[in-house]
Every structure is written in C-alpha cells, then in structure tokens.
C-alpha cells in the first residue's frame, strides 16, 4: 500500500533538508507518543546507515520495529527502511529546489505485507484508504508548515 504527497515550503532546500534529517527531533516525538526508541549505532549525520530499534503499542500489543536510514543524498533525498514482524516499509523523502527560497518536499510511504496476517491487516487498511490518505496529507502539510514557520521566525 502506497501513500505519497507533496508540499511547497518557503525555505531554501538546505534548510529543509537539515530539518527533515534532524532525527533527534523525531526520536523525541516518538518518545512523547509512548514509543521506546533506541539508537543502535553511534554514527552521526550524514553517515549513510543509521539504525533504530523502536517499540510501541499498537492495537493492544507492544510492537517492535527496526528502522534504518539506508540512503542519503544531501540535499535531495533520503530513504528509511523499516521492518516489524511480517510488515516492511519504506519512507522516501525527496526535495526539489523550486527557487533559492522555495522547496518542494515529496514524502512517499510504501507498506509491504510479508505474511498472511499482515496481508489481512493491510487489506483492512485499504478499505479506509481515502481517510488514511487524507490524514497522511494533513500530517505532511502540518510538518511542512512547521518547517516554514521555524525558518521565517527563527
């Protein structure tokens, strides 16, 4: 199942890339939402492979996920691959400089079931795909707006 959306941000591409690769911010956000996040390596950006083990409650059970930053091409794109039980996923973030002060961000999420149980779960998500797409777009738009606000006011 794939989700993709794009937003234009009034900020230079280097600023946007720095914001979207500030992984410590994402780690703290996950912790605030009840997840446990542990960095597996001691590498610092822009090393290509950074790995996290993440544990979080979902549908009444504690789930475990491993996420890896596997590709990084500053300031154009990066790829994070994740696995959780029988479910795999990829998040690709691409940036395009529209001008010196304007950047387009494209965020694509691809969820791939690996067994029958996760196929059934993904199939149930397809029923609500339009609602999920709308929520996905709204969150990316809010994230893009936050980047723009921090650039303009900070």
Protein backbone atom coordinates (compact mmCIF):
# COMPACT_ATOMS: atom_id res chain seq x y z
CA UNK A 1 0.00 0.00 0.00
CA UNK A 2 1.46 3.33 -1.04
CA UNK A 3 0.90 6.86 0.16
CA UNK A 4 2.52 9.90 -1.38
CA UNK A 5 2.08 13.64 -1.09
CA UNK A 6 3.96 16.84 -1.80
CA UNK A 7 4.10 20.28 -0.25
CA UNK A 8 5.87 23.50 -1.18
CA UNK A 9 7.84 25.23 1.58
CA UNK A 10 9.05 28.84 1.64
CA UNK A 11 12.61 27.95 2.69
CA UNK A 12 15.86 27.06 0.89
CA UNK A 13 16.49 23.38 0.14
CA UNK A 14 19.47 23.20 2.55
CA UNK A 15 17.33 24.44 5.43
CA UNK A 16 14.54 21.98 4.62
CA UNK A 17 16.98 19.07 4.32
CA UNK A 18 18.54 19.95 7.68
CA UNK A 19 15.07 19.97 9.26
CA UNK A 20 13.90 16.67 7.76
CA UNK A 21 17.13 14.93 8.78
CA UNK A 22 17.09 16.16 12.38
CA UNK A 23 16.42 12.62 13.61
CA UNK A 24 16.78 13.57 17.28
CA UNK A 25 13.56 15.61 16.93
CA UNK A 26 11.72 12.57 15.53
CA UNK A 27 13.12 10.37 18.31
CA UNK A 28 11.80 12.78 20.97
CA UNK A 29 8.40 12.99 19.24
CA UNK A 30 8.10 9.18 19.26
CA UNK A 31 9.04 9.09 22.95
CA UNK A 32 6.31 11.66 23.73
CA UNK A 33 3.79 9.39 21.99
CA UNK A 34 4.71 6.42 24.19
CA UNK A 35 7.24 4.65 21.99
CA UNK A 36 10.62 3.47 23.16
CA UNK A 37 13.39 4.46 20.77
CA UNK A 38 16.94 3.22 20.94
CA UNK A 39 19.68 4.25 18.56
CA UNK A 40 21.68 1.13 17.69
CA UNK A 41 24.80 2.82 16.34
CA UNK A 42 26.85 5.81 17.38
CA UNK A 43 27.06 7.34 13.94
CA UNK A 44 26.15 10.92 13.35
CA UNK A 45 24.59 12.52 10.30
CA UNK A 46 25.47 12.39 7.42
CA UNK A 47 26.63 8.79 7.79
CA UNK A 48 24.60 6.70 5.41
CA UNK A 49 23.37 3.93 7.67
CA UNK A 50 21.77 4.89 10.97
CA UNK A 51 19.68 2.28 12.80
CA UNK A 52 16.96 2.49 15.45
CA UNK A 53 15.05 -0.14 17.42
CA UNK A 54 11.56 1.12 18.21
CA UNK A 55 8.93 -0.42 20.45
CA UNK A 56 5.39 0.96 20.54
CA UNK A 57 1.85 -0.06 21.48
CA UNK A 58 -0.46 -0.78 18.53
CA UNK A 59 -3.86 -2.47 18.60
CA UNK A 60 -3.43 -3.58 22.19
CA UNK A 61 0.01 -5.16 21.76
CA UNK A 62 3.57 -3.99 22.04
CA UNK A 63 5.18 -3.97 18.59
CA UNK A 64 8.86 -3.89 17.73
CA UNK A 65 10.34 -2.23 14.67
CA UNK A 66 13.80 -1.75 13.26
CA UNK A 67 14.29 1.33 11.11
CA UNK A 68 17.39 2.10 9.05
CA UNK A 69 18.47 5.15 7.15
CA UNK A 70 19.86 3.28 4.15
CA UNK A 71 20.31 6.02 1.55
CA UNK A 72 21.17 9.67 1.95
CA UNK A 73 21.86 12.10 -0.90
CA UNK A 74 22.06 15.59 0.66
CA UNK A 75 20.17 17.81 -0.01
CA UNK A 76 17.99 15.86 -2.44
CA UNK A 77 16.65 12.71 -0.79
CA UNK A 78 16.91 10.02 1.82
CA UNK A 79 15.37 6.59 2.36
CA UNK A 80 14.40 4.90 5.62
CA UNK A 81 13.53 1.19 5.53
CA UNK A 82 11.71 -0.49 8.38
CA UNK A 83 10.66 -3.99 9.38
CA UNK A 84 8.19 -5.01 12.05
CA UNK A 85 7.25 -8.66 12.28
CA UNK A 86 5.71 -9.53 8.95
CA UNK A 87 5.48 -5.95 7.75
CA UNK A 88 8.06 -3.97 5.82
CA UNK A 89 8.03 -0.33 4.88
CA UNK A 90 9.94 2.40 3.15
CA UNK A 91 9.78 6.15 3.54
CA UNK A 92 11.38 8.20 0.79
CA UNK A 93 11.76 11.95 1.28
CA UNK A 94 12.72 13.91 -1.82
CA UNK A 95 13.42 17.62 -2.01
CA UNK A 96 13.35 19.76 -5.14
CA UNK A 97 14.58 23.35 -5.18
CA UNK A 98 11.89 25.38 -6.94
CA UNK A 99 13.88 28.60 -6.41
CA UNK A 100 16.53 29.85 -4.00
CA UNK A 101 13.90 30.33 -1.28
CA UNK A 102 11.28 27.71 -2.16
CA UNK A 103 11.48 23.92 -1.87
CA UNK A 104 9.09 21.12 -2.76
CA UNK A 105 9.04 18.16 -0.39
CA UNK A 106 7.71 14.81 -1.62
CA UNK A 107 7.11 12.17 1.03
CA UNK A 108 6.28 8.63 -0.11
CA UNK A 109 5.41 5.74 2.20
CA UNK A 110 5.20 2.16 0.95
CA UNK A 111 3.91 -0.57 3.30
CA UNK A 112 4.59 -4.16 2.26
CA UNK A 113 3.00 -7.16 3.98
CA UNK A 114 5.27 -10.20 4.27
CA UNK A 115 2.85 -12.84 5.59
CA UNK A 116 -0.85 -13.69 5.67
CA UNK A 117 -1.57 -11.89 8.95
CA UNK A 118 -0.09 -8.63 7.73
CA UNK A 119 -1.75 -9.02 4.33
CA UNK A 120 -5.11 -9.14 6.10
CA UNK A 121 -4.18 -6.06 8.17
CA UNK A 122 -3.11 -4.12 5.06
CA UNK A 123 -6.25 -5.26 3.25
CA UNK A 124 -8.37 -3.82 6.07
CA UNK A 125 -6.42 -0.56 5.72
CA UNK A 126 -7.34 -0.45 2.02
CA UNK A 127 -10.99 -0.16 2.99
CA UNK A 128 -10.22 3.10 4.79
CA UNK A 129 -7.56 4.22 2.29
CA UNK A 130 -9.17 7.57 1.44
CA UNK A 131 -9.42 8.52 5.10
CA UNK A 132 -5.84 7.37 5.74
CA UNK A 133 -4.61 9.32 2.68
CA UNK A 134 -6.29 12.47 3.96
CA UNK A 135 -4.68 12.08 7.41
CA UNK A 136 -1.29 11.39 5.80
CA UNK A 137 -1.54 14.51 3.62
CA UNK A 138 -2.63 16.61 6.60
CA UNK A 139 0.33 15.48 8.73
CA UNK A 140 2.86 16.13 5.96
CA UNK A 141 1.28 19.55 5.32
CA UNK A 142 1.48 20.39 9.04
CA UNK A 143 5.13 19.26 9.12
CA UNK A 144 5.94 21.41 6.06
CA UNK A 145 4.17 24.38 7.64
CA UNK A 146 6.18 23.94 10.85
CA UNK A 147 9.45 23.96 8.87
CA UNK A 148 8.36 27.12 7.08
CA UNK A 149 7.37 28.83 10.35
CA UNK A 150 10.68 27.96 12.04
CA UNK A 151 12.57 29.33 9.03
CA UNK A 152 10.60 32.57 8.90
CA UNK A 153 10.61 33.22 12.66
CA UNK A 154 13.80 31.67 13.85
